[in-house]
C-alpha atoms as a PDB file:
ATOM      1  CA  MET A   1     -29.465  63.363 273.363  1.00  0.00           C
ATOM      2  CA  ALA A   2     -28.090  63.162 269.974  1.00  0.00           C
ATOM      3  CA  GLU A   3     -29.939  61.534 267.405  1.00  0.00           C
ATOM      4  CA  ILE A   4     -29.565  57.950 266.109  1.00  0.00           C
ATOM      5  CA  LYS A   5     -29.395  57.566 262.666  1.00  0.00           C
ATOM      6  CA  PHE A   6     -29.746  53.691 261.045  1.00  0.00           C
ATOM      7  CA  GLU A   7     -30.228  52.431 257.677  1.00  0.00           C
ATOM      8  CA  ILE A   8     -31.742  48.848 257.183  1.00  0.00           C
ATOM      9  CA  THR A   9     -29.415  47.847 254.729  1.00  0.00           C
ATOM     10  CA  GLU A  10     -30.578  44.298 254.151  1.00  0.00           C
ATOM     11  CA  HIS A  11     -33.609  42.479 256.206  1.00  0.00           C
ATOM     12  CA  ILE A  12     -32.885  38.742 256.828  1.00  0.00           C
ATOM     13  CA  MET A  13     -35.501  37.423 258.655  1.00  0.00           C
ATOM     14  CA  VAL A  14     -38.523  38.000 261.387  1.00  0.00           C
ATOM     15  CA  LEU A  15     -37.461  35.543 264.369  1.00  0.00           C
ATOM     16  CA  SER A  16     -40.748  36.257 266.205  1.00  0.00           C
ATOM     17  CA  GLU A  17     -43.789  38.525 266.753  1.00  0.00           C
ATOM     18  CA  SER A  18     -45.279  39.567 269.836  1.00  0.00           C
ATOM     19  CA  ALA A  19     -48.886  39.642 270.420  1.00  0.00           C
ATOM     20  CA  LYS A  20     -48.578  43.260 270.080  1.00  0.00           C
ATOM     21  CA  GLY A  21     -47.333  42.875 266.559  1.00  0.00           C
ATOM     22  CA  TRP A  22     -43.368  43.928 267.804  1.00  0.00           C
ATOM     23  CA  THR A  23     -40.963  41.757 265.615  1.00  0.00           C
ATOM     24  CA  LYS A  24     -37.754  40.676 266.527  1.00  0.00           C
ATOM     25  CA  GLU A  25     -35.626  40.843 263.739  1.00  0.00           C
ATOM     26  CA  LEU A  26     -32.300  39.949 261.864  1.00  0.00           C
ATOM     27  CA  ASN A  27     -31.031  42.915 259.796  1.00  0.00           C
ATOM     28  CA  LEU A  28     -28.152  44.037 258.532  1.00  0.00           C
ATOM     29  CA  ILE A  29     -28.232  47.856 259.629  1.00  0.00           C
ATOM     30  CA  SER A  30     -25.593  50.971 259.214  1.00  0.00           C
ATOM     31  CA  TRP A  31     -25.610  53.042 262.197  1.00  0.00           C
ATOM     32  CA  ASN A  32     -24.592  56.712 261.776  1.00  0.00           C
ATOM     33  CA  GLY A  33     -23.439  56.273 258.110  1.00  0.00           C
ATOM     34  CA  ARG A  34     -20.865  53.581 259.526  1.00  0.00           C
ATOM     35  CA  GLU A  35     -20.016  49.618 258.155  1.00  0.00           C
ATOM     36  CA  PRO A  36     -23.598  47.679 258.038  1.00  0.00           C
ATOM     37  CA  LYS A  37     -23.216  45.003 261.270  1.00  0.00           C
ATOM     38  CA  TYR A  38     -25.639  42.295 262.038  1.00  0.00           C
ATOM     39  CA  ASP A  39     -28.058  43.314 264.332  1.00  0.00           C
ATOM     40  CA  ILE A  40     -30.860  41.456 266.416  1.00  0.00           C
ATOM     41  CA  ARG A  41     -33.833  43.460 268.299  1.00  0.00           C
ATOM     42  CA  ASP A  42     -37.290  43.576 268.364  1.00  0.00           C
ATOM     43  CA  TRP A  43     -39.079  46.465 266.546  1.00  0.00           C
ATOM     44  CA  ALA A  44     -42.618  48.700 266.295  1.00  0.00           C
ATOM     45  CA  PRO A  45     -44.531  47.717 263.040  1.00  0.00           C
ATOM     46  CA  ASN A  46     -43.334  50.008 260.324  1.00  0.00           C
ATOM     47  CA  HIS A  47     -40.013  50.309 262.102  1.00  0.00           C
ATOM     48  CA  GLU A  48     -41.100  53.489 263.981  1.00  0.00           C
ATOM     49  CA  LYS A  49     -39.917  52.706 267.218  1.00  0.00           C
ATOM     50  CA  MET A  50     -36.799  49.909 268.676  1.00  0.00           C
ATOM     51  CA  GLY A  51     -36.033  47.717 271.368  1.00  0.00           C
ATOM     52  CA  LYS A  52     -32.551  47.274 272.896  1.00  0.00           C
ATOM     53  CA  GLY A  53     -30.733  44.703 271.056  1.00  0.00           C
ATOM     54  CA  VAL A  54     -26.993  43.278 270.106  1.00  0.00           C
ATOM     55  CA  THR A  55     -25.246  44.115 267.091  1.00  0.00           C
ATOM     56  CA  LEU A  56     -22.525  41.749 265.566  1.00  0.00           C
ATOM     57  CA  ASP A  57     -19.640  42.614 263.312  1.00  0.00           C
ATOM     58  CA  LEU A  58     -18.941  39.699 260.540  1.00  0.00           C
ATOM     59  CA  ASP A  59     -16.103  37.627 262.640  1.00  0.00           C
ATOM     60  CA  GLU A  60     -18.627  37.766 265.709  1.00  0.00           C
ATOM     61  CA  ALA A  61     -21.516  36.602 263.487  1.00  0.00           C
ATOM     62  CA  VAL A  62     -19.473  34.032 262.343  1.00  0.00           C
ATOM     63  CA  LYS A  63     -18.443  32.914 265.872  1.00  0.00           C
ATOM     64  CA  LEU A  64     -21.862  32.597 266.795  1.00  0.00           C
ATOM     65  CA  LYS A  65     -23.109  30.889 263.739  1.00  0.00           C
ATOM     66  CA  LYS A  66     -20.297  28.096 264.312  1.00  0.00           C
ATOM     67  CA  ALA A  67     -21.216  27.815 267.990  1.00  0.00           C
ATOM     68  CA  LEU A  68     -24.992  27.368 266.987  1.00  0.00           C
ATOM     69  CA  ASN A  69     -23.864  24.564 264.805  1.00  0.00           C
ATOM     70  CA  ASP A  70     -21.938  23.027 267.595  1.00  0.00           C
ATOM     71  CA  SER A  71     -24.181  23.288 270.312  1.00  0.00           C
ATOM     72  CA  ARG A  72     -27.108  20.506 270.985  1.00  0.00           C
ATOM     73  CA  LEU A  73     -30.151  22.817 269.870  1.00  0.00           C
END
């Protein structure tokens, strides 16, 4: 399997933290040198491991923000 390269270009926020110290974070991440995307996923301390996550381009993030603003949260 090819190595996946990533760079966290902007740490936006920690959404939650588990008892084991993993954090669910919202970041802007450049995957394999591409344009950064919004990314929500679990991270081990010091970002040495990651869980599965969701990446969103700017248009998708704007739609999600609108949907959350319009919802009854």
